[in-house]
Amino acid sequence: MVGYQAILQENSIQQNMSRKGNYLDNNAMENFFGRLKTECYYDKRFETFKQLKKQLMSIFIITTMTAFRGN
C-alpha cells in the first residue's frame, strides 16, 4: 500500500483508522462510504460528471438527514 499512502500524503489527506477492536470510532463515515459504494460504484456507469454529482448529493442528503434523526 505504499502507493496509496503516497497519494494521501501528496494530497494532504490524513487517513483515519479506528482503534483496534472499536468499529464505532468512525461509524458515521463507514456508513456514508458504504452507501456511496453501493449507490455509485457497484454496477453503475455515469455518462456525465453532472449525473455523478447529482447522485453524490442525493446520497449526502439522505445520509445527513438519517444522522440528524438519530437512526
N, C-alpha and C. Protein backbone atom coordinates (compact mmCIF):
# COMPACT_ATOMS: atom_id res chain seq x y z
N MET A 1 0.82 -1.21 0.00
CA MET A 1 0.00 0.00 0.00
C MET A 1 0.85 1.26 0.00
N VAL A 2 2.09 1.13 -0.35
CA VAL A 2 2.97 2.30 -0.37
C VAL A 2 2.43 3.35 -1.33
N GLY A 3 1.93 2.94 -2.49
CA GLY A 3 1.39 3.88 -3.47
C GLY A 3 0.20 4.65 -2.92
N TYR A 4 -0.69 3.96 -2.23
CA TYR A 4 -1.87 4.58 -1.64
C TYR A 4 -1.47 5.62 -0.61
N GLN A 5 -0.56 5.27 0.27
CA GLN A 5 -0.09 6.20 1.30
C GLN A 5 0.57 7.42 0.68
N ALA A 6 1.32 7.22 -0.39
CA ALA A 6 1.98 8.35 -1.07
C ALA A 6 0.96 9.31 -1.66
N ILE A 7 -0.10 8.77 -2.26
CA ILE A 7 -1.15 9.62 -2.83
C ILE A 7 -1.82 10.43 -1.73
N LEU A 8 -2.10 9.79 -0.61
CA LEU A 8 -2.70 10.52 0.51
C LEU A 8 -1.80 11.67 0.95
N GLN A 9 -0.53 11.37 1.12
CA GLN A 9 0.42 12.38 1.59
C GLN A 9 0.56 13.52 0.58
N GLU A 10 0.64 13.21 -0.70
CA GLU A 10 0.77 14.23 -1.74
C GLU A 10 -0.42 15.18 -1.77
N ASN A 11 -1.58 14.69 -1.37
CA ASN A 11 -2.80 15.49 -1.40
C ASN A 11 -3.21 16.00 -0.02
N SER A 12 -2.29 15.92 0.94
CA SER A 12 -2.53 16.40 2.31
C SER A 12 -3.78 15.78 2.93
N ILE A 13 -3.96 14.47 2.70
CA ILE A 13 -5.09 13.75 3.25
C ILE A 13 -4.60 12.89 4.41
N GLN A 14 -5.28 13.00 5.53
CA GLN A 14 -4.91 12.21 6.70
C GLN A 14 -5.85 11.01 6.80
N GLN A 15 -5.28 9.83 6.82
CA GLN A 15 -6.07 8.61 6.94
C GLN A 15 -6.53 8.46 8.38
N ASN A 16 -7.79 8.09 8.54
CA ASN A 16 -8.37 7.91 9.87
C ASN A 16 -8.67 6.44 10.06
N MET A 17 -8.11 5.87 11.10
CA MET A 17 -8.34 4.46 11.37
C MET A 17 -8.87 4.30 12.79
N SER A 18 -9.81 3.38 12.95
CA SER A 18 -10.37 3.10 14.25
C SER A 18 -9.35 2.42 15.15
N ARG A 19 -9.58 2.59 16.44
CA ARG A 19 -8.76 1.85 17.40
C ARG A 19 -9.05 0.36 17.24
N LYS A 20 -8.10 -0.44 17.53
CA LYS A 20 -8.25 -1.89 17.39
C LYS A 20 -9.45 -2.37 18.20
N GLY A 21 -10.34 -3.08 17.52
CA GLY A 21 -11.49 -3.66 18.19
C GLY A 21 -12.64 -2.71 18.46
N ASN A 22 -12.55 -1.45 17.96
CA ASN A 22 -13.63 -0.49 18.21
C ASN A 22 -14.14 0.06 16.89
N TYR A 23 -15.06 -0.66 16.28
CA TYR A 23 -15.59 -0.25 14.98
C TYR A 23 -16.48 0.99 15.06
N LEU A 24 -16.90 1.39 16.25
CA LEU A 24 -17.79 2.55 16.39
C LEU A 24 -17.06 3.88 16.31
N ASP A 25 -15.72 3.86 16.36
CA ASP A 25 -14.96 5.11 16.31
C ASP A 25 -15.31 5.96 15.09
N ASN A 26 -15.52 5.32 13.98
CA ASN A 26 -15.71 6.04 12.73
C ASN A 26 -17.01 5.61 12.05
N ASN A 27 -18.02 5.37 12.85
CA ASN A 27 -19.27 4.81 12.36
C ASN A 27 -19.94 5.67 11.29
N ALA A 28 -19.98 6.97 11.47
CA ALA A 28 -20.65 7.85 10.51
C ALA A 28 -20.01 7.76 9.13
N MET A 29 -18.69 7.79 9.09
CA MET A 29 -18.00 7.74 7.79
C MET A 29 -18.10 6.35 7.18
N GLU A 30 -18.06 5.31 8.01
CA GLU A 30 -18.22 3.95 7.49
C GLU A 30 -19.59 3.81 6.82
N ASN A 31 -20.62 4.34 7.45
CA ASN A 31 -21.96 4.27 6.87
C ASN A 31 -22.03 5.05 5.56
N PHE A 32 -21.46 6.25 5.56
CA PHE A 32 -21.50 7.09 4.37
C PHE A 32 -20.80 6.42 3.20
N PHE A 33 -19.58 5.96 3.42
CA PHE A 33 -18.83 5.36 2.31
C PHE A 33 -19.40 4.01 1.89
N GLY A 34 -20.01 3.29 2.82
CA GLY A 34 -20.70 2.06 2.46
C GLY A 34 -21.85 2.34 1.51
N ARG A 35 -22.65 3.34 1.85
CA ARG A 35 -23.76 3.73 0.98
C ARG A 35 -23.24 4.26 -0.35
N LEU A 36 -22.16 5.04 -0.30
CA LEU A 36 -21.58 5.61 -1.51
C LEU A 36 -21.16 4.50 -2.48
N LYS A 37 -20.49 3.48 -1.97
CA LYS A 37 -20.07 2.37 -2.82
C LYS A 37 -21.27 1.62 -3.40
N THR A 38 -22.27 1.40 -2.58
CA THR A 38 -23.45 0.68 -3.05
C THR A 38 -24.20 1.46 -4.12
N GLU A 39 -24.38 2.76 -3.89
CA GLU A 39 -25.20 3.58 -4.79
C GLU A 39 -24.45 4.09 -6.02
N CYS A 40 -23.15 4.26 -5.91
CA CYS A 40 -22.41 4.91 -7.00
C CYS A 40 -21.34 4.06 -7.65
N TYR A 41 -21.03 2.94 -7.09
CA TYR A 41 -19.89 2.20 -7.62
C TYR A 41 -20.29 0.86 -8.21
N TYR A 42 -20.93 0.03 -7.43
CA TYR A 42 -21.25 -1.32 -7.88
C TYR A 42 -22.27 -1.28 -9.01
N ASP A 43 -21.91 -1.82 -10.15
CA ASP A 43 -22.79 -1.93 -11.33
C ASP A 43 -23.32 -0.60 -11.82
N LYS A 44 -22.59 0.48 -11.61
CA LYS A 44 -23.05 1.81 -12.05
C LYS A 44 -22.09 2.39 -13.07
N ARG A 45 -22.67 3.10 -14.03
CA ARG A 45 -21.89 3.86 -15.00
C ARG A 45 -22.58 5.21 -15.17
N PHE A 46 -21.82 6.26 -15.09
CA PHE A 46 -22.36 7.60 -15.28
C PHE A 46 -21.84 8.16 -16.59
N GLU A 47 -22.74 8.69 -17.38
CA GLU A 47 -22.37 9.25 -18.68
C GLU A 47 -21.67 10.60 -18.52
N THR A 48 -22.07 11.35 -17.51
CA THR A 48 -21.51 12.69 -17.32
C THR A 48 -21.14 12.89 -15.86
N PHE A 49 -20.28 13.86 -15.64
CA PHE A 49 -19.93 14.23 -14.27
C PHE A 49 -21.15 14.78 -13.55
N LYS A 50 -22.02 15.46 -14.27
CA LYS A 50 -23.23 16.03 -13.69
C LYS A 50 -24.11 14.94 -13.09
N GLN A 51 -24.23 13.80 -13.76
CA GLN A 51 -25.01 12.67 -13.24
C GLN A 51 -24.40 12.13 -11.95
N LEU A 52 -23.08 11.98 -11.95
CA LEU A 52 -22.39 11.51 -10.75
C LEU A 52 -22.58 12.49 -9.60
N LYS A 53 -22.43 13.77 -9.88
CA LYS A 53 -22.58 14.80 -8.85
C LYS A 53 -23.99 14.78 -8.26
N LYS A 54 -24.99 14.62 -9.11
CA LYS A 54 -26.38 14.56 -8.64
C LYS A 54 -26.58 13.37 -7.71
N GLN A 55 -26.02 12.22 -8.07
CA GLN A 55 -26.14 11.02 -7.23
C GLN A 55 -25.41 11.21 -5.91
N LEU A 56 -24.22 11.82 -5.95
CA LEU A 56 -23.46 12.06 -4.72
C LEU A 56 -24.22 12.99 -3.78
N MET A 57 -24.81 14.04 -4.32
CA MET A 57 -25.57 14.97 -3.48
C MET A 57 -26.78 14.28 -2.87
N SER A 58 -27.43 13.43 -3.62
CA SER A 58 -28.57 12.68 -3.10
C SER A 58 -28.15 11.80 -1.93
N ILE A 59 -27.05 11.09 -2.09
CA ILE A 59 -26.55 10.23 -1.01
C ILE A 59 -26.16 11.06 0.20
N PHE A 60 -25.50 12.18 -0.03
CA PHE A 60 -25.09 13.05 1.08
C PHE A 60 -26.31 13.54 1.85
N ILE A 61 -27.34 13.97 1.16
CA ILE A 61 -28.54 14.47 1.82
C ILE A 61 -29.23 13.37 2.61
N ILE A 62 -29.39 12.20 2.02
CA ILE A 62 -30.03 11.08 2.71
C ILE A 62 -29.24 10.69 3.95
N THR A 63 -27.93 10.59 3.81
CA THR A 63 -27.08 10.20 4.94
C THR A 63 -27.13 11.24 6.05
N THR A 64 -27.09 12.51 5.68
CA THR A 64 -27.13 13.59 6.66
C THR A 64 -28.46 13.62 7.39
N MET A 65 -29.55 13.50 6.67
CA MET A 65 -30.87 13.52 7.30
C MET A 65 -31.06 12.32 8.22
N THR A 66 -30.56 11.17 7.82
CA THR A 66 -30.65 9.98 8.67
C THR A 66 -29.86 10.19 9.95
N ALA A 67 -28.69 10.79 9.85
CA ALA A 67 -27.85 11.03 11.03
C ALA A 67 -28.52 12.00 11.99
N PHE A 68 -29.18 13.03 11.48
CA PHE A 68 -29.84 14.00 12.35
C PHE A 68 -31.06 13.41 13.04
N ARG A 69 -31.69 12.43 12.42
CA ARG A 69 -32.84 11.78 13.05
C ARG A 69 -32.40 10.81 14.13
N GLY A 70 -31.13 10.46 14.13
CA GLY A 70 -30.62 9.54 15.13
C GLY A 70 -30.76 8.08 14.75
N ASN A 71 -30.96 7.79 13.48
CA ASN A 71 -31.09 6.40 13.03
C ASN A 71 -29.76 5.86 12.61
